[in-house]
């Protein structure tokens, strides 16, 4: 697939997301869907491995009573501009450190802080970022709410997105439990578990040639160095950095 073909198909799916939100009543004159995908199709297709992150749901503005509002823009729009205020977001920071280290043969301790080297964020342009729910929600997601939205509405869209982007690695940000039947058989077992402080930090699956990391959400308040390095090290074991 060429970058031009991928972009056209991505645009078609984004239109489908908007249409779906209107047809099921999720979208109103106060709230619209936030389609997702990848900012730079050429960079994504040329990356190795091709990486996708699957998160829960986006957020935008809020009404006075706290009800979500806004939407009507693309999730990756901010990754393309010179204004990098979005890099202050903890979720995006963790993803940037992880992806920058993976692409440049570095671990967390070898990297600059994003605030000192904001161009590190450019790695987001070649990374597919998807949400299971496409509607603006709260800044923190209750598992039931976004999972219900995914099952009721967005699951067919996700399946089409996986087929379109065909990633080699998928990192689930506390979302694997919700959508795993799309990716692995019912009896699938992890090929490895990465522990941290007595808990399982990553469940690792490999199915149909694709590496699946059942990990914590990148916004989790935990040791950022361990979070970043554990994902980098896990992926590199299967996709060594080329010299």
C-alpha atoms as a PDB file:
ATOM      1  CA  UNK A   1       0.000   0.000   0.000  1.00  0.00           C
ATOM      2  CA  UNK A   2       1.259   3.470  -0.850  1.00  0.00           C
ATOM      3  CA  UNK A   3       1.057   6.413   1.598  1.00  0.00           C
ATOM      4  CA  UNK A   4      -1.513   8.029  -0.677  1.00  0.00           C
ATOM      5  CA  UNK A   5      -3.703   4.928  -0.620  1.00  0.00           C
ATOM      6  CA  UNK A   6      -3.436   4.639   3.147  1.00  0.00           C
ATOM      7  CA  UNK A   7      -4.342   8.289   3.606  1.00  0.00           C
ATOM      8  CA  UNK A   8      -7.420   8.012   1.366  1.00  0.00           C
ATOM      9  CA  UNK A   9      -8.636   4.935   3.230  1.00  0.00           C
ATOM     10  CA  UNK A  10      -7.934   6.644   6.555  1.00  0.00           C
ATOM     11  CA  UNK A  11     -10.029   9.646   5.500  1.00  0.00           C
ATOM     12  CA  UNK A  12     -12.840   7.299   4.500  1.00  0.00           C
ATOM     13  CA  UNK A  13     -12.782   5.659   7.941  1.00  0.00           C
ATOM     14  CA  UNK A  14     -12.743   9.045   9.659  1.00  0.00           C
ATOM     15  CA  UNK A  15     -15.884  10.021   7.751  1.00  0.00           C
ATOM     16  CA  UNK A  16     -17.441   6.736   8.826  1.00  0.00           C
ATOM     17  CA  UNK A  17     -16.653   7.578  12.455  1.00  0.00           C
ATOM     18  CA  UNK A  18     -18.442  10.930  12.178  1.00  0.00           C
ATOM     19  CA  UNK A  19     -21.409   9.284  10.459  1.00  0.00           C
ATOM     20  CA  UNK A  20     -21.612   6.525  13.069  1.00  0.00           C
ATOM     21  CA  UNK A  21     -21.630   9.041  15.917  1.00  0.00           C
ATOM     22  CA  UNK A  22     -24.511  10.947  14.336  1.00  0.00           C
ATOM     23  CA  UNK A  23     -26.556   7.891  13.424  1.00  0.00           C
ATOM     24  CA  UNK A  24     -26.439   6.391  16.929  1.00  0.00           C
ATOM     25  CA  UNK A  25     -27.203   9.696  18.663  1.00  0.00           C
ATOM     26  CA  UNK A  26     -23.787  10.144  20.285  1.00  0.00           C
ATOM     27  CA  UNK A  27     -23.120  13.359  18.355  1.00  0.00           C
ATOM     28  CA  UNK A  28     -25.217  16.488  18.965  1.00  0.00           C
ATOM     29  CA  UNK A  29     -24.800  20.194  18.286  1.00  0.00           C
ATOM     30  CA  UNK A  30     -22.567  20.283  21.381  1.00  0.00           C
ATOM     31  CA  UNK A  31     -20.394  17.229  20.881  1.00  0.00           C
ATOM     32  CA  UNK A  32     -18.855  15.369  17.947  1.00  0.00           C
ATOM     33  CA  UNK A  33     -16.584  12.381  17.471  1.00  0.00           C
ATOM     34  CA  UNK A  34     -12.778  12.628  17.529  1.00  0.00           C
ATOM     35  CA  UNK A  35     -11.471  10.348  14.750  1.00  0.00           C
ATOM     36  CA  UNK A  36      -8.013   8.829  15.213  1.00  0.00           C
ATOM     37  CA  UNK A  37      -5.262   7.231  13.156  1.00  0.00           C
ATOM     38  CA  UNK A  38      -1.772   8.281  12.101  1.00  0.00           C
ATOM     39  CA  UNK A  39      -0.459  11.754  11.289  1.00  0.00           C
ATOM     40  CA  UNK A  40       2.071  10.859   8.587  1.00  0.00           C
ATOM     41  CA  UNK A  41       1.174   7.826   6.486  1.00  0.00           C
ATOM     42  CA  UNK A  42       4.538   7.706   4.691  1.00  0.00           C
ATOM     43  CA  UNK A  43       6.545   7.742   7.916  1.00  0.00           C
ATOM     44  CA  UNK A  44       4.328   5.051   9.397  1.00  0.00           C
ATOM     45  CA  UNK A  45       4.687   2.722   6.421  1.00  0.00           C
ATOM     46  CA  UNK A  46       8.461   3.225   6.426  1.00  0.00           C
ATOM     47  CA  UNK A  47       8.833   2.588  10.163  1.00  0.00           C
ATOM     48  CA  UNK A  48      10.067  -0.718  11.518  1.00  0.00           C
ATOM     49  CA  UNK A  49       8.357  -2.126  13.381  1.00  0.00           C
ATOM     50  CA  UNK A  50       5.036  -0.449  12.641  1.00  0.00           C
ATOM     51  CA  UNK A  51       3.581   0.400  16.054  1.00  0.00           C
ATOM     52  CA  UNK A  52       0.025   1.082  17.174  1.00  0.00           C
ATOM     53  CA  UNK A  53      -1.195   2.160  20.614  1.00  0.00           C
ATOM     54  CA  UNK A  54      -4.781   1.410  21.642  1.00  0.00           C
ATOM     55  CA  UNK A  55      -6.087   3.641  24.435  1.00  0.00           C
ATOM     56  CA  UNK A  56      -9.529   4.171  25.968  1.00  0.00           C
ATOM     57  CA  UNK A  57     -11.251   7.395  24.894  1.00  0.00           C
ATOM     58  CA  UNK A  58     -10.374  11.026  24.100  1.00  0.00           C
ATOM     59  CA  UNK A  59     -11.429  14.217  25.868  1.00  0.00           C
ATOM     60  CA  UNK A  60     -11.853  17.850  24.872  1.00  0.00           C
ATOM     61  CA  UNK A  61     -13.873  20.548  26.631  1.00  0.00           C
ATOM     62  CA  UNK A  62     -16.478  20.378  29.393  1.00  0.00           C
ATOM     63  CA  UNK A  63     -19.711  22.186  30.065  1.00  0.00           C
ATOM     64  CA  UNK A  64     -20.258  23.956  33.407  1.00  0.00           C
ATOM     65  CA  UNK A  65     -21.857  20.825  34.848  1.00  0.00           C
ATOM     66  CA  UNK A  66     -18.850  18.713  33.822  1.00  0.00           C
ATOM     67  CA  UNK A  67     -20.518  17.107  30.806  1.00  0.00           C
ATOM     68  CA  UNK A  68     -18.033  16.435  27.979  1.00  0.00           C
ATOM     69  CA  UNK A  69     -18.340  18.619  24.907  1.00  0.00           C
ATOM     70  CA  UNK A  70     -16.268  19.515  21.855  1.00  0.00           C
ATOM     71  CA  UNK A  71     -14.815  17.098  19.313  1.00  0.00           C
ATOM     72  CA  UNK A  72     -14.969  17.475  15.570  1.00  0.00           C
ATOM     73  CA  UNK A  73     -11.188  17.336  15.098  1.00  0.00           C
ATOM     74  CA  UNK A  74      -8.609  14.620  14.443  1.00  0.00           C
ATOM     75  CA  UNK A  75      -6.769  13.111  17.397  1.00  0.00           C
ATOM     76  CA  UNK A  76      -3.368  13.510  15.739  1.00  0.00           C
ATOM     77  CA  UNK A  77      -3.809  17.119  14.527  1.00  0.00           C
ATOM     78  CA  UNK A  78      -1.531  18.468  17.242  1.00  0.00           C
ATOM     79  CA  UNK A  79       1.285  16.135  16.239  1.00  0.00           C
ATOM     80  CA  UNK A  80       1.668  18.000  12.935  1.00  0.00           C
ATOM     81  CA  UNK A  81       1.931  21.611  14.116  1.00  0.00           C
ATOM     82  CA  UNK A  82       4.719  23.663  15.658  1.00  0.00           C
ATOM     83  CA  UNK A  83       2.706  24.232  18.847  1.00  0.00           C
ATOM     84  CA  UNK A  84       3.809  21.411  21.131  1.00  0.00           C
ATOM     85  CA  UNK A  85       1.734  22.207  24.233  1.00  0.00           C
ATOM     86  CA  UNK A  86       0.156  18.755  23.878  1.00  0.00           C
ATOM     87  CA  UNK A  87       3.489  17.273  24.979  1.00  0.00           C
ATOM     88  CA  UNK A  88       2.713  18.388  28.553  1.00  0.00           C
ATOM     89  CA  UNK A  89       0.128  15.608  28.661  1.00  0.00           C
ATOM     90  CA  UNK A  90       1.467  12.705  30.771  1.00  0.00           C
ATOM     91  CA  UNK A  91      -0.027  10.096  28.440  1.00  0.00           C
ATOM     92  CA  UNK A  92       1.644  11.594  25.375  1.00  0.00           C
ATOM     93  CA  UNK A  93       4.940  12.027  27.263  1.00  0.00           C
ATOM     94  CA  UNK A  94       5.141   8.323  28.107  1.00  0.00           C
ATOM     95  CA  UNK A  95       4.370   7.361  24.527  1.00  0.00           C
ATOM     96  CA  UNK A  96       6.966   9.821  23.195  1.00  0.00           C
ATOM     97  CA  UNK A  97       9.710   8.542  25.497  1.00  0.00           C
ATOM     98  CA  UNK A  98       8.839   4.951  24.592  1.00  0.00           C
ATOM     99  CA  UNK A  99       8.701   5.497  20.850  1.00  0.00           C
ATOM    100  CA  UNK A 100      11.719   7.829  20.720  1.00  0.00           C
ATOM    101  CA  UNK A 101      13.814   5.337  22.644  1.00  0.00           C
ATOM    102  CA  UNK A 102      12.629   2.463  20.466  1.00  0.00           C
ATOM    103  CA  UNK A 103      13.448   4.327  17.247  1.00  0.00           C
ATOM    104  CA  UNK A 104      16.821   5.636  18.383  1.00  0.00           C
ATOM    105  CA  UNK A 105      18.301   2.714  20.325  1.00  0.00           C
ATOM    106  CA  UNK A 106      17.967   4.471  23.674  1.00  0.00           C
ATOM    107  CA  UNK A 107      16.571   3.715  27.099  1.00  0.00           C
ATOM    108  CA  UNK A 108      14.920   6.266  29.366  1.00  0.00           C
ATOM    109  CA  UNK A 109      18.101   7.279  31.194  1.00  0.00           C
ATOM    110  CA  UNK A 110      19.836   8.013  27.875  1.00  0.00           C
ATOM    111  CA  UNK A 111      17.208  10.500  26.684  1.00  0.00           C
ATOM    112  CA  UNK A 112      16.753  14.230  27.152  1.00  0.00           C
ATOM    113  CA  UNK A 113      13.655  15.512  28.877  1.00  0.00           C
ATOM    114  CA  UNK A 114      10.952  16.378  26.367  1.00  0.00           C
ATOM    115  CA  UNK A 115      10.837  19.952  27.680  1.00  0.00           C
ATOM    116  CA  UNK A 116      14.501  20.358  26.704  1.00  0.00           C
ATOM    117  CA  UNK A 117      14.163  18.605  23.355  1.00  0.00           C
ATOM    118  CA  UNK A 118      10.564  19.033  22.177  1.00  0.00           C
ATOM    119  CA  UNK A 119      11.370  17.688  18.705  1.00  0.00           C
ATOM    120  CA  UNK A 120      11.374  14.232  20.311  1.00  0.00           C
ATOM    121  CA  UNK A 121       7.606  14.489  19.930  1.00  0.00           C
ATOM    122  CA  UNK A 122       7.925  14.206  16.171  1.00  0.00           C
ATOM    123  CA  UNK A 123       8.027  10.432  16.653  1.00  0.00           C
ATOM    124  CA  UNK A 124       4.259  10.641  17.209  1.00  0.00           C
ATOM    125  CA  UNK A 125       3.795  11.358  13.496  1.00  0.00           C
ATOM    126  CA  UNK A 126       4.710   7.772  12.606  1.00  0.00           C
ATOM    127  CA  UNK A 127       2.718   6.135  15.401  1.00  0.00           C
ATOM    128  CA  UNK A 128      -0.892   5.008  15.081  1.00  0.00           C
ATOM    129  CA  UNK A 129      -2.916   6.145  18.092  1.00  0.00           C
ATOM    130  CA  UNK A 130      -6.416   4.703  18.442  1.00  0.00           C
ATOM    131  CA  UNK A 131      -9.115   4.962  21.097  1.00  0.00           C
ATOM    132  CA  UNK A 132     -11.676   2.218  21.673  1.00  0.00           C
ATOM    133  CA  UNK A 133     -14.354   4.897  22.010  1.00  0.00           C
ATOM    134  CA  UNK A 134     -14.255   7.826  19.599  1.00  0.00           C
ATOM    135  CA  UNK A 135     -16.381  10.295  21.616  1.00  0.00           C
ATOM    136  CA  UNK A 136     -15.052  12.973  24.020  1.00  0.00           C
ATOM    137  CA  UNK A 137     -15.315  11.779  27.607  1.00  0.00           C
ATOM    138  CA  UNK A 138     -13.804  12.518  31.018  1.00  0.00           C
ATOM    139  CA  UNK A 139     -10.051  12.971  31.572  1.00  0.00           C
ATOM    140  CA  UNK A 140     -10.040   9.671  33.459  1.00  0.00           C
ATOM    141  CA  UNK A 141     -12.001   6.719  32.104  1.00  0.00           C
ATOM    142  CA  UNK A 142     -14.126   4.291  34.052  1.00  0.00           C
ATOM    143  CA  UNK A 143     -13.681   0.837  32.577  1.00  0.00           C
ATOM    144  CA  UNK A 144     -17.405   0.183  32.243  1.00  0.00           C
ATOM    145  CA  UNK A 145     -18.251   3.404  30.402  1.00  0.00           C
ATOM    146  CA  UNK A 146     -15.724   3.210  27.582  1.00  0.00           C
ATOM    147  CA  UNK A 147     -16.050  -0.573  27.286  1.00  0.00           C
ATOM    148  CA  UNK A 148     -19.815  -0.267  26.880  1.00  0.00           C
ATOM    149  CA  UNK A 149     -19.363   2.396  24.182  1.00  0.00           C
ATOM    150  CA  UNK A 150     -16.831   0.208  22.386  1.00  0.00           C
ATOM    151  CA  UNK A 151     -19.053  -2.886  22.352  1.00  0.00           C
ATOM    152  CA  UNK A 152     -22.214  -0.996  21.430  1.00  0.00           C
ATOM    153  CA  UNK A 153     -20.768   1.166  18.689  1.00  0.00           C
ATOM    154  CA  UNK A 154     -17.077   1.237  17.850  1.00  0.00           C
ATOM    155  CA  UNK A 155     -15.936  -2.374  17.671  1.00  0.00           C
ATOM    156  CA  UNK A 156     -16.576  -2.725  13.885  1.00  0.00           C
ATOM    157  CA  UNK A 157     -14.595   0.475  13.309  1.00  0.00           C
ATOM    158  CA  UNK A 158     -11.647  -0.844  15.330  1.00  0.00           C
ATOM    159  CA  UNK A 159     -11.609  -4.065  13.309  1.00  0.00           C
ATOM    160  CA  UNK A 160     -11.438  -2.037  10.082  1.00  0.00           C
ATOM    161  CA  UNK A 161      -8.636   0.108  11.507  1.00  0.00           C
ATOM    162  CA  UNK A 162      -6.539  -2.913  12.470  1.00  0.00           C
ATOM    163  CA  UNK A 163      -6.932  -4.302   8.971  1.00  0.00           C
ATOM    164  CA  UNK A 164      -6.066  -0.956   7.391  1.00  0.00           C
ATOM    165  CA  UNK A 165      -2.939  -0.091   9.395  1.00  0.00           C
ATOM    166  CA  UNK A 166      -1.716  -3.694   9.752  1.00  0.00           C
ATOM    167  CA  UNK A 167       0.647  -2.967  12.669  1.00  0.00           C
ATOM    168  CA  UNK A 168       3.458  -5.303  13.637  1.00  0.00           C
ATOM    169  CA  UNK A 169       3.270  -4.260  17.298  1.00  0.00           C
ATOM    170  CA  UNK A 170       0.215  -3.203  19.292  1.00  0.00           C
ATOM    171  CA  UNK A 171       0.572  -1.682  22.748  1.00  0.00           C
ATOM    172  CA  UNK A 172      -2.662  -1.772  24.732  1.00  0.00           C
ATOM    173  CA  UNK A 173      -2.971   0.938  27.398  1.00  0.00           C
ATOM    174  CA  UNK A 174      -5.128  -0.969  29.883  1.00  0.00           C
ATOM    175  CA  UNK A 175      -7.502  -1.850  27.038  1.00  0.00           C
ATOM    176  CA  UNK A 176      -6.626  -5.452  26.209  1.00  0.00           C
ATOM    177  CA  UNK A 177      -9.245  -6.898  28.583  1.00  0.00           C
ATOM    178  CA  UNK A 178     -11.934  -5.019  26.661  1.00  0.00           C
ATOM    179  CA  UNK A 179     -11.010  -5.874  23.076  1.00  0.00           C
ATOM    180  CA  UNK A 180      -8.868  -9.041  23.209  1.00  0.00           C
ATOM    181  CA  UNK A 181     -11.323 -11.255  21.194  1.00  0.00           C
ATOM    182  CA  UNK A 182     -10.477  -9.181  18.122  1.00  0.00           C
ATOM    183  CA  UNK A 183      -6.800 -10.147  18.406  1.00  0.00           C
ATOM    184  CA  UNK A 184      -6.305 -13.581  19.958  1.00  0.00           C
ATOM    185  CA  UNK A 185      -8.227 -16.881  20.312  1.00  0.00           C
ATOM    186  CA  UNK A 186     -10.198 -17.508  23.475  1.00  0.00           C
ATOM    187  CA  UNK A 187      -7.623 -19.998  24.774  1.00  0.00           C
ATOM    188  CA  UNK A 188      -4.587 -17.780  24.039  1.00  0.00           C
ATOM    189  CA  UNK A 189      -1.934 -17.693  26.749  1.00  0.00           C
ATOM    190  CA  UNK A 190       0.776 -15.048  27.233  1.00  0.00           C
ATOM    191  CA  UNK A 191       4.172 -16.093  25.943  1.00  0.00           C
ATOM    192  CA  UNK A 192       5.782 -13.995  28.682  1.00  0.00           C
ATOM    193  CA  UNK A 193       4.926 -11.846  31.682  1.00  0.00           C
ATOM    194  CA  UNK A 194       7.005  -8.864  32.760  1.00  0.00           C
ATOM    195  CA  UNK A 195       6.694  -8.284  36.530  1.00  0.00           C
ATOM    196  CA  UNK A 196       7.266  -5.133  38.561  1.00  0.00           C
ATOM    197  CA  UNK A 197       7.050  -4.879  42.354  1.00  0.00           C
ATOM    198  CA  UNK A 198       5.134  -8.114  42.683  1.00  0.00           C
ATOM    199  CA  UNK A 199       2.554  -7.379  39.998  1.00  0.00           C
ATOM    200  CA  UNK A 200       2.305  -8.264  36.330  1.00  0.00           C
ATOM    201  CA  UNK A 201       3.213  -5.148  34.370  1.00  0.00           C
ATOM    202  CA  UNK A 202       2.986  -6.555  30.829  1.00  0.00           C
ATOM    203  CA  UNK A 203       1.361  -9.690  29.435  1.00  0.00           C
ATOM    204  CA  UNK A 204       2.978 -10.486  26.109  1.00  0.00           C
ATOM    205  CA  UNK A 205       1.188 -12.294  23.303  1.00  0.00           C
ATOM    206  CA  UNK A 206       2.269 -13.191  19.786  1.00  0.00           C
ATOM    207  CA  UNK A 207      -0.378 -14.156  17.295  1.00  0.00           C
ATOM    208  CA  UNK A 208      -0.483 -14.132  13.488  1.00  0.00           C
ATOM    209  CA  UNK A 209       3.017 -12.668  13.451  1.00  0.00           C
ATOM    210  CA  UNK A 210       1.928  -9.675  15.519  1.00  0.00           C
ATOM    211  CA  UNK A 211       3.362  -8.721  18.920  1.00  0.00           C
ATOM    212  CA  UNK A 212       0.715  -7.692  21.460  1.00  0.00           C
ATOM    213  CA  UNK A 213       1.623  -5.961  24.732  1.00  0.00           C
ATOM    214  CA  UNK A 214      -1.109  -5.961  27.359  1.00  0.00           C
ATOM    215  CA  UNK A 215       0.309  -3.080  29.398  1.00  0.00           C
ATOM    216  CA  UNK A 216      -0.810  -0.400  31.822  1.00  0.00           C
ATOM    217  CA  UNK A 217      -2.163   2.886  30.501  1.00  0.00           C
ATOM    218  CA  UNK A 218       0.671   5.349  29.758  1.00  0.00           C
ATOM    219  CA  UNK A 219      -1.016   7.866  32.050  1.00  0.00           C
ATOM    220  CA  UNK A 220      -0.576   5.604  35.080  1.00  0.00           C
ATOM    221  CA  UNK A 221       1.221   7.253  37.987  1.00  0.00           C
ATOM    222  CA  UNK A 222       4.121   4.864  38.315  1.00  0.00           C
ATOM    223  CA  UNK A 223       7.853   4.729  37.711  1.00  0.00           C
ATOM    224  CA  UNK A 224       8.179   6.346  34.286  1.00  0.00           C
ATOM    225  CA  UNK A 225      11.622   4.821  33.720  1.00  0.00           C
ATOM    226  CA  UNK A 226      10.364   1.286  34.301  1.00  0.00           C
ATOM    227  CA  UNK A 227       7.262   1.892  32.175  1.00  0.00           C
ATOM    228  CA  UNK A 228       9.265   3.163  29.204  1.00  0.00           C
ATOM    229  CA  UNK A 229      12.164   0.705  29.435  1.00  0.00           C
ATOM    230  CA  UNK A 230       9.983  -2.370  29.924  1.00  0.00           C
ATOM    231  CA  UNK A 231       8.111  -1.703  26.693  1.00  0.00           C
ATOM    232  CA  UNK A 232      11.245  -0.773  24.739  1.00  0.00           C
ATOM    233  CA  UNK A 233      13.118  -3.871  25.938  1.00  0.00           C
ATOM    234  CA  UNK A 234      10.173  -6.162  25.204  1.00  0.00           C
ATOM    235  CA  UNK A 235       9.768  -4.932  21.630  1.00  0.00           C
ATOM    236  CA  UNK A 236      13.513  -4.954  20.934  1.00  0.00           C
ATOM    237  CA  UNK A 237      13.730  -8.604  21.871  1.00  0.00           C
ATOM    238  CA  UNK A 238      11.598  -9.362  18.826  1.00  0.00           C
ATOM    239  CA  UNK A 239      12.634  -6.426  16.623  1.00  0.00           C
ATOM    240  CA  UNK A 240      16.311  -5.680  17.330  1.00  0.00           C
ATOM    241  CA  UNK A 241      17.530  -2.178  16.503  1.00  0.00           C
ATOM    242  CA  UNK A 242      19.243  -2.149  13.131  1.00  0.00           C
ATOM    243  CA  UNK A 243      22.710  -0.535  12.986  1.00  0.00           C
END
